[in-house]
Amino acid sequence: MTTWSTQPLFGWGRHPKIETECAMPGSSAEVLEAFQGAHAEGAPALAHGMGRSNGDAALLSQGREVVTQELNEVLSFEETT
């Protein structure tokens, strides 16, 4: 089960800053679980990476954010593409 907690998030330049419900998954399976859980509850959800987008492109104050900073490993690589 996904754990959601209220966290401050912001974009590049640390503005604007919002408080929103966040999940911090540690695996691709937990990412899927977070998005499925939010969808089942009718809550919009958005992936949030390092917070380096200009303005508020990756901020969702009226929904949930799936913070992906812990997902820092390459799971597979297709050399021919």
Protein backbone atom coordinates (compact mmCIF):
# COMPACT_ATOMS: atom_id res chain seq x y z
CA MET A 1 0.00 0.00 0.00
CA THR A 2 1.29 3.42 -0.94
CA THR A 3 2.09 5.86 1.84
CA TRP A 4 1.11 9.45 1.07
CA SER A 5 2.35 12.41 3.11
CA THR A 6 2.04 16.15 2.72
CA GLN A 7 5.33 17.62 1.53
CA PRO A 8 6.52 20.96 0.16
CA LEU A 9 7.46 20.85 -3.54
CA PHE A 10 8.78 23.51 -5.87
CA GLY A 11 10.28 23.91 -9.33
CA TRP A 12 13.46 25.52 -10.58
CA GLY A 13 14.27 28.63 -8.56
CA ARG A 14 12.22 27.27 -5.63
CA HIS A 15 9.16 29.20 -6.78
CA PRO A 16 6.30 28.57 -6.59
CA LYS A 17 6.25 26.35 -3.53
CA ILE A 18 3.21 24.17 -2.90
CA GLU A 19 2.15 21.70 -0.21
CA THR A 20 0.74 18.51 -1.72
CA GLU A 21 0.29 14.81 -1.01
CA CYS A 22 3.38 12.90 -2.12
CA ALA A 23 4.44 9.29 -2.47
CA MET A 24 8.14 8.43 -2.66
CA PRO A 25 8.34 4.99 -4.31
CA GLY A 26 11.56 3.00 -4.26
CA SER A 27 10.82 0.71 -7.21
CA SER A 28 8.96 0.67 -10.51
CA ALA A 29 6.34 -1.61 -8.92
CA GLU A 30 5.71 1.00 -6.22
CA VAL A 31 5.35 3.72 -8.89
CA LEU A 32 2.66 1.67 -10.60
CA GLU A 33 0.95 1.03 -7.27
CA ALA A 34 0.94 4.76 -6.44
CA PHE A 35 -0.61 5.78 -9.76
CA GLN A 36 -3.17 2.97 -9.65
CA GLY A 37 -4.12 3.89 -6.08
CA ALA A 38 -4.55 7.57 -6.93
CA HIS A 39 -6.62 6.67 -10.00
CA ALA A 40 -8.83 4.30 -7.97
CA GLU A 41 -9.54 7.16 -5.54
CA GLY A 42 -10.27 9.61 -8.36
CA ALA A 43 -7.26 11.76 -7.50
CA PRO A 44 -5.16 13.25 -10.29
CA ALA A 45 -1.49 12.27 -10.03
CA LEU A 46 1.71 13.53 -11.60
CA ALA A 47 5.30 12.27 -11.61
CA HIS A 48 7.78 14.70 -10.04
CA GLY A 49 11.50 14.24 -10.70
CA MET A 50 14.25 16.53 -9.50
CA GLY A 51 12.11 19.69 -9.52
CA ARG A 52 14.13 21.33 -12.27
CA SER A 53 11.36 22.37 -14.64
CA ASN A 54 10.84 26.09 -15.19
CA GLY A 55 7.83 27.51 -13.42
CA ASP A 56 5.22 25.08 -12.16
CA ALA A 57 5.17 22.47 -14.95
CA ALA A 58 5.63 19.53 -12.54
CA LEU A 59 3.50 20.84 -9.66
CA LEU A 60 -0.02 19.64 -8.94
CA SER A 61 -1.54 21.40 -5.96
CA GLN A 62 -4.98 19.79 -6.41
CA GLY A 63 -3.85 16.18 -6.59
CA ARG A 64 -0.99 13.87 -5.73
CA GLU A 65 2.67 13.81 -6.74
CA VAL A 66 4.68 10.64 -7.23
CA VAL A 67 8.22 11.80 -6.41
CA THR A 68 10.69 9.73 -8.43
CA GLN A 69 14.03 10.96 -7.03
CA GLU A 70 14.84 7.57 -5.47
CA LEU A 71 14.52 5.81 -8.83
CA ASN A 72 18.11 6.31 -9.93
CA GLU A 73 19.07 3.00 -11.56
CA VAL A 74 18.90 1.83 -15.17
CA LEU A 75 16.91 -1.41 -15.17
CA SER A 76 17.53 -2.33 -18.79
CA PHE A 77 19.16 -0.95 -21.91
CA GLU A 78 18.44 -1.72 -25.55
CA GLU A 79 21.76 -1.20 -27.38
CA THR A 80 20.30 -1.41 -30.89
CA THR A 81 17.94 1.55 -30.58
